[in-house]
């Protein structure tokens, strides 16, 4: 099945939820939602189950509220920077904040956590060309659309595309025993695919765990050494979560929430308006665990960011004690920052770049980018490159989930859209605008 994945233009916001200019926009194939995206959807779509694979990689599970089918929901990354201190936005009172903060969803509400945290999960979003999905050749073969209901009410619809697969569910102990015996006797066949696991070190990029994919009796599996965040959980099969346990996870088609159901053509939605050429998807479950946004430390400088003015202000962490009591307005922040620079406290511009989506590890992994190369080509703001580069070229989430070897990506050449095979890093700027 040849499916074309489309780029989506993503607006970057500063920590006061003001829009930056287009110089800070990125155009990505796979992404995570923003705080604004979360505010626009119903609570029923905010909460997601945590896949067994994500649990083994350390993804945190909230005890309540419940995800569909009564399961505990999880926490997952949003792509906005987050305020680290209380502020009075409506009265124009501003404070600097800890640069290590990124937004995340906790129990239906937006919270904040350190950029180097690895217990926050990832729910990938993407858009695909509808006609490539429902072409005469594909004819929706193997594609499943399902209504997710609660008490007779349709919460949302999901879609499964057979070629989009990822490790998700723990298999039974009986099946695991068979696979372990076959593994130890070297009777399992590697498929050549592999999957990226948790960060080995949350403060230094020593590389992630890599899990090989195996084929056994026409199904696909990965062998995982579980490193859960907490042990009062249960896997989807009802067994208890334990540390340092070998778990066999089945590779399965991903279930995606359809975000624009009403606008789809009648081939998919019999009552759809057909006014869109793309289907917007978000993974139903939290698929990825153990991945930080950026390898930063608690000792990083506090900083003030304003993408609207394209200016970054900041200094060392003890600057909060200097600025906090005296800064009543944004202008005071600016004056105080400049004043403290003159006093020998430098502006830490590089620290500010660590809370930008364009420089995040999640962005690099989801899209299969060599991140700094991608930004240097124009997909991001070259002026605010972080010093740390993440290189997932040819081995990111897009490549890992594609089990068709026929996925195509949208590119542009001489103002004419074309398709090309599996090269997300070849970015050409000034593509037609694509908004969420």
Protein backbone atom coordinates (compact mmCIF):
# COMPACT_ATOMS: atom_id res chain seq x y z
CA UNK A 1 0.00 0.00 0.00
CA UNK A 2 1.59 3.29 -1.14
CA UNK A 3 0.57 6.01 1.29
CA UNK A 4 1.71 9.59 1.05
CA UNK A 5 2.54 11.25 4.37
CA UNK A 6 2.03 15.03 4.30
CA UNK A 7 3.91 17.76 6.07
CA UNK A 8 1.97 19.85 8.59
CA UNK A 9 2.90 23.45 9.31
CA UNK A 10 3.30 23.92 13.06
CA UNK A 11 3.16 27.29 14.75
CA UNK A 12 5.56 27.75 17.61
CA UNK A 13 4.31 29.55 20.71
CA UNK A 14 6.20 31.29 23.47
CA UNK A 15 5.60 30.40 27.11
CA UNK A 16 2.83 33.01 27.40
CA UNK A 17 0.93 31.28 24.59
CA UNK A 18 1.62 34.11 22.15
CA UNK A 19 2.30 33.11 18.56
CA UNK A 20 5.75 33.58 17.18
CA UNK A 21 6.26 34.74 13.62
CA UNK A 22 6.63 32.36 10.68
CA UNK A 23 10.40 32.30 11.11
CA UNK A 24 9.79 29.88 13.96
CA UNK A 25 7.33 27.61 12.13
CA UNK A 26 8.33 24.07 11.28
CA UNK A 27 6.85 21.68 8.73
CA UNK A 28 6.92 18.12 9.98
CA UNK A 29 5.51 14.75 9.00
CA UNK A 30 5.00 13.54 12.57
CA UNK A 31 4.53 15.75 15.62
CA UNK A 32 2.87 16.06 19.02
CA UNK A 33 0.02 18.36 19.94
CA UNK A 34 0.33 21.85 21.39
CA UNK A 35 -1.40 23.29 24.47
CA UNK A 36 -3.89 25.02 22.15
CA UNK A 37 -4.66 21.72 20.40
CA UNK A 38 -5.47 20.10 23.74
CA UNK A 39 -7.75 22.96 24.79
CA UNK A 40 -9.83 22.56 21.61
CA UNK A 41 -10.70 18.89 22.05
CA UNK A 42 -13.04 17.07 24.40
CA UNK A 43 -11.65 15.45 27.56
CA UNK A 44 -12.54 12.04 26.13
CA UNK A 45 -9.87 12.50 23.46
CA UNK A 46 -7.23 13.85 25.83
CA UNK A 47 -6.76 10.70 27.88
CA UNK A 48 -4.92 7.81 26.27
CA UNK A 49 -4.02 4.30 27.33
CA UNK A 50 -0.33 3.58 27.80
CA UNK A 51 0.83 0.73 25.59
CA UNK A 52 2.64 -2.15 27.25
CA UNK A 53 5.76 -1.28 25.26
CA UNK A 54 5.69 2.31 26.60
CA UNK A 55 5.26 0.96 30.16
CA UNK A 56 8.38 -1.19 29.79
CA UNK A 57 10.28 1.93 28.70
CA UNK A 58 9.28 3.87 31.83
CA UNK A 59 6.18 5.81 30.79
CA UNK A 60 4.26 7.05 33.84
CA UNK A 61 0.60 6.08 34.32
CA UNK A 62 -1.91 8.27 36.12
CA UNK A 63 -4.24 6.30 38.36
CA UNK A 64 -7.21 8.48 37.32
CA UNK A 65 -9.01 9.66 35.24
CA UNK A 66 -9.62 6.63 33.14
CA UNK A 67 -8.83 6.13 29.50
CA UNK A 68 -11.23 4.12 27.29
CA UNK A 69 -12.30 0.72 28.62
CA UNK A 70 -11.63 1.79 32.21
CA UNK A 71 -7.84 1.73 31.91
CA UNK A 72 -5.58 4.24 33.59
CA UNK A 73 -4.51 7.14 31.42
CA UNK A 74 -0.95 8.29 30.94
CA UNK A 75 1.05 11.50 30.65
CA UNK A 76 2.45 12.62 27.31
CA UNK A 77 4.52 15.43 25.82
CA UNK A 78 3.15 18.62 24.27
CA UNK A 79 5.39 20.70 22.07
CA UNK A 80 5.22 24.04 23.94
CA UNK A 81 7.62 25.55 26.41
CA UNK A 82 6.09 25.85 29.87
CA UNK A 83 6.11 28.52 32.56
CA UNK A 84 8.13 27.41 35.54
CA UNK A 85 6.82 29.94 38.05
CA UNK A 86 3.42 31.40 38.83
CA UNK A 87 2.63 34.60 36.92
CA UNK A 88 -0.14 37.12 36.46
CA UNK A 89 -0.45 37.18 32.71
CA UNK A 90 -3.56 39.43 32.55
CA UNK A 91 -1.92 42.11 34.67
CA UNK A 92 1.29 42.01 32.65
CA UNK A 93 3.36 40.56 35.49
CA UNK A 94 6.20 38.44 34.14
CA UNK A 95 8.76 36.18 35.76
CA UNK A 96 11.62 34.23 34.29
CA UNK A 97 11.21 30.48 34.19
CA UNK A 98 13.33 27.37 34.25
CA UNK A 99 14.48 26.57 30.73
CA UNK A 100 14.29 22.86 31.37
CA UNK A 101 10.47 23.03 31.35
CA UNK A 102 8.24 21.57 28.63
CA UNK A 103 4.47 21.19 28.68
CA UNK A 104 2.83 17.80 29.13
CA UNK A 105 -0.69 16.52 29.66
CA UNK A 106 -1.43 15.19 33.15
CA UNK A 107 -4.91 13.96 34.08
CA UNK A 108 -6.72 16.03 31.42
CA UNK A 109 -4.81 19.19 32.39
CA UNK A 110 -1.66 20.75 31.01
CA UNK A 111 1.27 20.58 33.41
CA UNK A 112 5.00 21.02 33.11
CA UNK A 113 8.07 18.90 33.59
CA UNK A 114 11.80 18.97 32.95
CA UNK A 115 12.87 18.59 29.35
CA UNK A 116 15.14 15.70 30.34
CA UNK A 117 12.29 13.73 31.94
CA UNK A 118 11.88 10.25 30.51
CA UNK A 119 8.66 9.19 32.25
CA UNK A 120 6.49 11.26 29.88
CA UNK A 121 5.11 9.42 26.85
CA UNK A 122 4.54 10.37 23.22
CA UNK A 123 1.31 10.23 21.16
CA UNK A 124 2.35 10.75 17.54
CA UNK A 125 0.18 12.78 15.15
CA UNK A 126 0.40 12.85 11.36
CA UNK A 127 -1.55 13.62 8.20
CA UNK A 128 -1.82 11.41 5.13
CA UNK A 129 -3.13 12.11 1.65
CA UNK A 130 -6.64 10.69 1.46
CA UNK A 131 -6.48 9.76 -2.21
CA UNK A 132 -3.35 7.70 -1.64
CA UNK A 133 -5.30 5.81 1.01
CA UNK A 134 -8.47 5.21 -1.01
CA UNK A 135 -6.99 4.87 -4.47
CA UNK A 136 -8.22 2.17 -6.83
CA UNK A 137 -5.10 0.15 -6.10
CA UNK A 138 -5.56 0.31 -2.34
CA UNK A 139 -9.37 0.27 -2.20
CA UNK A 140 -9.08 0.49 1.61
CA UNK A 141 -7.95 -3.12 1.69
CA UNK A 142 -7.31 -4.17 5.29
CA UNK A 143 -8.13 -0.70 6.63
CA UNK A 144 -10.45 -0.84 9.66
CA UNK A 145 -12.60 2.04 10.90
CA UNK A 146 -14.09 1.58 14.37
CA UNK A 147 -16.46 3.56 16.57
CA UNK A 148 -15.26 4.00 20.14
CA UNK A 149 -18.33 4.23 22.37
CA UNK A 150 -19.16 4.85 26.00
CA UNK A 151 -22.69 4.26 27.23
CA UNK A 152 -24.00 4.21 23.68
CA UNK A 153 -22.36 7.55 22.85
CA UNK A 154 -19.75 7.63 20.10
CA UNK A 155 -16.63 9.20 21.60
CA UNK A 156 -14.61 9.18 18.38
CA UNK A 157 -13.62 6.98 15.42
CA UNK A 158 -10.37 5.17 14.95
CA UNK A 159 -8.66 3.80 11.88
CA UNK A 160 -6.14 0.98 11.48
CA UNK A 161 -3.84 0.93 8.48
CA UNK A 162 -2.26 -2.54 8.25
CA UNK A 163 1.14 -1.31 7.11
CA UNK A 164 1.55 1.15 10.02
CA UNK A 165 2.76 -1.13 12.82
CA UNK A 166 4.59 -0.65 16.10
CA UNK A 167 5.35 -2.71 19.26
CA UNK A 168 2.40 -2.41 21.62
CA UNK A 169 0.97 -5.35 23.61
CA UNK A 170 2.59 -7.87 25.93
CA UNK A 171 1.82 -11.43 24.91
CA UNK A 172 0.69 -14.14 27.32
CA UNK A 173 3.14 -15.97 29.57
CA UNK A 174 2.53 -19.18 27.61
CA UNK A 175 3.38 -17.50 24.30
CA UNK A 176 6.36 -15.76 25.89
CA UNK A 177 7.76 -19.10 27.04
CA UNK A 178 7.62 -20.45 23.49
CA UNK A 179 9.32 -17.37 22.08
CA UNK A 180 12.02 -17.37 24.76
CA UNK A 181 12.82 -21.00 24.08
CA UNK A 182 13.02 -20.31 20.34
CA UNK A 183 15.21 -17.26 21.04
CA UNK A 184 17.62 -19.18 23.27
CA UNK A 185 17.91 -21.98 20.72
CA UNK A 186 18.50 -19.40 17.97
CA UNK A 187 15.41 -20.49 16.06
CA UNK A 188 13.93 -16.99 15.73
CA UNK A 189 14.44 -15.05 12.54
CA UNK A 190 15.29 -11.33 12.63
CA UNK A 191 13.31 -9.29 10.12
CA UNK A 192 15.98 -6.59 9.78
CA UNK A 193 13.77 -3.98 11.44
CA UNK A 194 14.40 -2.52 14.87
CA UNK A 195 12.74 -0.06 17.28
CA UNK A 196 14.08 2.75 19.39
CA UNK A 197 13.61 2.37 23.14
CA UNK A 198 14.25 4.43 26.25
CA UNK A 199 17.10 6.85 26.81
CA UNK A 200 19.95 5.15 28.61
CA UNK A 201 20.95 8.38 30.39
CA UNK A 202 18.45 11.21 30.87
CA UNK A 203 21.09 13.95 31.17
CA UNK A 204 23.59 12.76 28.58
CA UNK A 205 22.72 11.41 25.17
CA UNK A 206 24.43 8.05 25.37
CA UNK A 207 21.98 6.68 22.86
CA UNK A 208 18.70 4.78 23.29
CA UNK A 209 18.04 1.10 23.66
CA UNK A 210 17.48 -0.63 20.31
CA UNK A 211 15.16 -3.63 20.04
CA UNK A 212 15.33 -6.03 17.10
CA UNK A 213 12.15 -7.35 15.51
CA UNK A 214 11.64 -11.09 15.19
CA UNK A 215 9.24 -13.15 13.08
CA UNK A 216 7.52 -16.18 14.61
CA UNK A 217 4.58 -18.08 13.10
CA UNK A 218 3.57 -15.17 10.83
CA UNK A 219 3.59 -12.60 13.65
CA UNK A 220 6.17 -10.00 14.66
CA UNK A 221 7.66 -9.44 18.13
CA UNK A 222 10.36 -7.59 20.05
CA UNK A 223 12.20 -8.85 23.12
CA UNK A 224 12.31 -6.12 25.76
CA UNK A 225 14.07 -5.76 29.10
CA UNK A 226 11.46 -3.91 31.16
CA UNK A 227 12.48 -0.80 33.11
CA UNK A 228 9.12 0.54 34.35
CA UNK A 229 8.72 3.82 36.17
CA UNK A 230 6.53 2.29 38.88
CA UNK A 231 5.38 -1.20 39.79
CA UNK A 232 1.74 -0.80 40.83
CA UNK A 233 0.65 -1.21 37.22
CA UNK A 234 -0.73 -4.06 35.20
CA UNK A 235 -0.03 -4.93 31.59
CA UNK A 236 -2.92 -5.31 29.18
CA UNK A 237 -3.06 -9.05 29.85
CA UNK A 238 -3.61 -8.46 33.59
CA UNK A 239 -0.14 -9.50 34.76
CA UNK A 240 1.81 -7.31 37.19
CA UNK A 241 4.60 -5.00 36.07
CA UNK A 242 8.04 -6.00 37.39
CA UNK A 243 11.51 -4.53 36.99
CA UNK A 244 14.34 -6.20 35.04
CA UNK A 245 11.93 -8.68 33.48
CA UNK A 246 12.18 -9.97 29.92
CA UNK A 247 8.93 -9.13 28.11
CA UNK A 248 7.88 -10.16 24.62
CA UNK A 249 5.86 -7.41 22.90
CA UNK A 250 3.78 -7.99 19.77
CA UNK A 251 4.15 -5.63 16.83
CA UNK A 252 0.64 -4.60 15.75
CA UNK A 253 -1.19 -2.10 13.51
CA UNK A 254 -1.51 1.27 15.23
CA UNK A 255 -4.99 2.55 16.06
CA UNK A 256 -5.33 6.21 15.15
CA UNK A 257 -8.01 8.65 16.28
CA UNK A 258 -9.47 10.42 13.24
CA UNK A 259 -9.37 14.11 14.12
CA UNK A 260 -11.35 15.44 11.14
CA UNK A 261 -14.04 12.78 10.72
CA UNK A 262 -16.80 15.16 9.56
CA UNK A 263 -14.70 16.54 6.69
CA UNK A 264 -13.72 13.18 5.19
CA UNK A 265 -15.02 11.87 1.84
CA UNK A 266 -17.85 9.34 1.71
CA UNK A 267 -15.51 6.45 0.95
CA UNK A 268 -14.51 6.64 4.62
CA UNK A 269 -17.36 8.58 6.26
CA UNK A 270 -20.71 7.96 4.49
CA UNK A 271 -21.97 11.30 5.87
CA UNK A 272 -18.74 13.24 5.36
CA UNK A 273 -18.53 16.54 3.50
CA UNK A 274 -15.45 15.57 1.49
CA UNK A 275 -14.00 19.05 1.94
CA UNK A 276 -10.49 17.96 2.91
CA UNK A 277 -7.70 16.23 1.02
CA UNK A 278 -5.99 14.89 4.13
CA UNK A 279 -6.89 12.70 7.03
CA UNK A 280 -5.54 13.98 10.34
CA UNK A 281 -4.57 11.27 12.79
CA UNK A 282 -3.42 10.95 16.40
CA UNK A 283 -2.42 7.66 17.98
CA UNK A 284 -5.16 6.35 20.24
CA UNK A 285 -2.60 5.11 22.76
CA UNK A 286 0.62 6.50 24.15
CA UNK A 287 3.03 4.45 22.06
CA UNK A 288 6.45 5.70 23.09
CA UNK A 289 8.04 5.91 26.53
CA UNK A 290 11.44 6.72 27.97
CA UNK A 291 12.27 9.57 25.58
CA UNK A 292 13.21 13.04 26.79
CA UNK A 293 12.56 16.26 24.89
CA UNK A 294 16.10 17.51 25.35
CA UNK A 295 19.13 16.41 27.37
CA UNK A 296 19.32 19.31 29.78
CA UNK A 297 19.97 19.57 33.52
CA UNK A 298 18.27 21.18 36.49
CA UNK A 299 21.25 23.51 36.79
CA UNK A 300 20.53 25.15 33.42
CA UNK A 301 19.91 28.88 33.39
CA UNK A 302 16.57 30.55 33.83
CA UNK A 303 15.51 32.44 30.76
CA UNK A 304 12.79 34.65 29.35
CA UNK A 305 11.61 33.78 25.83
CA UNK A 306 9.49 35.92 23.53
CA UNK A 307 9.21 34.54 20.01
CA UNK A 308 6.96 37.43 18.99
CA UNK A 309 9.87 39.85 19.27
CA UNK A 310 12.44 37.22 18.31
CA UNK A 311 14.45 38.04 21.43
CA UNK A 312 15.84 35.74 24.08
CA UNK A 313 16.72 37.02 27.56
CA UNK A 314 18.18 35.09 30.42
CA UNK A 315 20.97 34.36 32.81
CA UNK A 316 22.07 31.99 35.54
CA UNK A 317 19.57 30.36 37.89
CA UNK A 318 20.33 32.76 40.75
CA UNK A 319 19.04 35.56 38.51
CA UNK A 320 15.51 34.70 39.68
CA UNK A 321 16.29 36.10 43.09
CA UNK A 322 17.45 39.32 41.45
CA UNK A 323 14.62 39.69 38.94
CA UNK A 324 11.62 38.19 40.72
CA UNK A 325 10.91 40.92 43.32
CA UNK A 326 11.48 43.90 41.01
CA UNK A 327 10.06 42.92 37.62
CA UNK A 328 6.48 44.07 37.10
CA UNK A 329 6.42 44.18 33.32
CA UNK A 330 8.12 42.64 30.33
CA UNK A 331 10.11 45.85 29.89
CA UNK A 332 11.44 45.46 33.43
CA UNK A 333 12.59 41.97 32.56
CA UNK A 334 14.45 43.39 29.58
CA UNK A 335 16.05 46.20 31.57
CA UNK A 336 16.96 43.88 34.42
CA UNK A 337 18.47 41.33 32.05
CA UNK A 338 20.60 43.97 30.41
CA UNK A 339 21.53 45.40 33.81
CA UNK A 340 22.64 42.01 35.09
CA UNK A 341 24.67 41.38 31.97
CA UNK A 342 26.55 44.57 32.75
CA UNK A 343 27.02 43.23 36.28
CA UNK A 344 28.67 40.13 34.87
CA UNK A 345 25.69 37.74 34.51
CA UNK A 346 25.68 36.69 30.83
CA UNK A 347 22.57 36.18 28.71
CA UNK A 348 22.37 32.46 28.03
CA UNK A 349 20.88 32.39 24.54
CA UNK A 350 21.80 28.75 23.96
CA UNK A 351 19.83 27.70 27.03
CA UNK A 352 16.65 29.15 25.55
CA UNK A 353 16.91 26.94 22.47
CA UNK A 354 16.48 23.84 24.61
CA UNK A 355 12.77 24.49 25.06
CA UNK A 356 12.01 24.83 21.36
CA UNK A 357 10.15 22.07 19.54
CA UNK A 358 12.45 22.52 16.54
CA UNK A 359 15.45 21.35 18.61
CA UNK A 360 13.78 18.50 20.48
CA UNK A 361 14.75 14.85 20.43
CA UNK A 362 11.09 13.87 20.03
CA UNK A 363 10.86 15.85 16.78
CA UNK A 364 14.06 14.27 15.45
CA UNK A 365 12.97 10.73 16.30
CA UNK A 366 9.39 10.96 15.06
CA UNK A 367 10.45 12.30 11.66
CA UNK A 368 13.74 10.50 11.17
CA UNK A 369 15.75 13.72 10.97
CA UNK A 370 19.35 14.62 11.36
CA UNK A 371 17.97 17.55 13.32
CA UNK A 372 20.56 20.26 12.79
CA UNK A 373 20.85 19.35 9.12
CA UNK A 374 17.06 19.64 8.79
CA UNK A 375 17.04 23.09 10.41
CA UNK A 376 20.03 24.26 8.37
CA UNK A 377 18.04 23.35 5.24
CA UNK A 378 15.34 25.81 6.35
CA UNK A 379 12.92 23.64 8.32
CA UNK A 380 13.21 25.69 11.51
CA UNK A 381 15.01 28.83 12.62
CA UNK A 382 18.74 28.52 11.94
CA UNK A 383 19.46 31.41 14.30
CA UNK A 384 18.40 29.37 17.33
CA UNK A 385 20.07 26.01 16.85
CA UNK A 386 20.74 24.19 20.11
CA UNK A 387 24.26 22.93 20.68
CA UNK A 388 23.03 19.33 20.93
CA UNK A 389 22.16 17.50 17.72
CA UNK A 390 19.95 14.41 17.42
CA UNK A 391 20.54 12.24 14.39
CA UNK A 392 17.80 9.72 13.54
CA UNK A 393 18.24 9.90 9.77
CA UNK A 394 16.82 6.74 8.22
CA UNK A 395 15.79 5.18 11.53
CA UNK A 396 13.05 7.28 13.14
CA UNK A 397 9.44 6.46 13.99
CA UNK A 398 8.27 6.85 10.38
CA UNK A 399 10.77 4.28 9.19
CA UNK A 400 10.14 1.93 12.10
CA UNK A 401 6.37 1.82 11.73
CA UNK A 402 6.38 1.47 7.91
CA UNK A 403 5.94 -2.23 7.18
CA UNK A 404 5.08 -1.73 3.52
CA UNK A 405 8.41 -0.34 2.30
CA UNK A 406 6.21 1.80 0.03
CA UNK A 407 5.56 4.90 2.13
CA UNK A 408 6.05 8.16 0.30
CA UNK A 409 6.65 11.66 1.59
CA UNK A 410 5.57 15.00 0.24
CA UNK A 411 8.34 17.24 -1.06
CA UNK A 412 8.44 20.26 -3.31
CA UNK A 413 10.62 21.03 -6.29
CA UNK A 414 10.16 24.13 -8.46
CA UNK A 415 6.74 24.79 -6.90
CA UNK A 416 5.43 21.38 -7.97
CA UNK A 417 4.54 18.83 -5.34
CA UNK A 418 6.06 15.43 -5.97
CA UNK A 419 6.48 12.25 -4.00
CA UNK A 420 9.71 10.62 -3.07
CA UNK A 421 10.74 7.49 -1.30
CA UNK A 422 11.67 7.57 2.40
CA UNK A 423 13.89 10.65 2.73
CA UNK A 424 12.33 12.88 5.37
CA UNK A 425 15.51 14.93 5.80
CA UNK A 426 15.43 16.31 2.24
CA UNK A 427 13.48 19.45 3.07
CA UNK A 428 12.78 22.22 0.60
CA UNK A 429 11.55 25.47 2.27
CA UNK A 430 8.52 27.57 1.37
CA UNK A 431 6.09 24.72 0.88
CA UNK A 432 2.39 25.54 0.69
CA UNK A 433 0.99 26.34 4.13
CA UNK A 434 -0.45 23.36 5.99
CA UNK A 435 -1.99 24.13 9.37
CA UNK A 436 -3.47 21.86 12.01
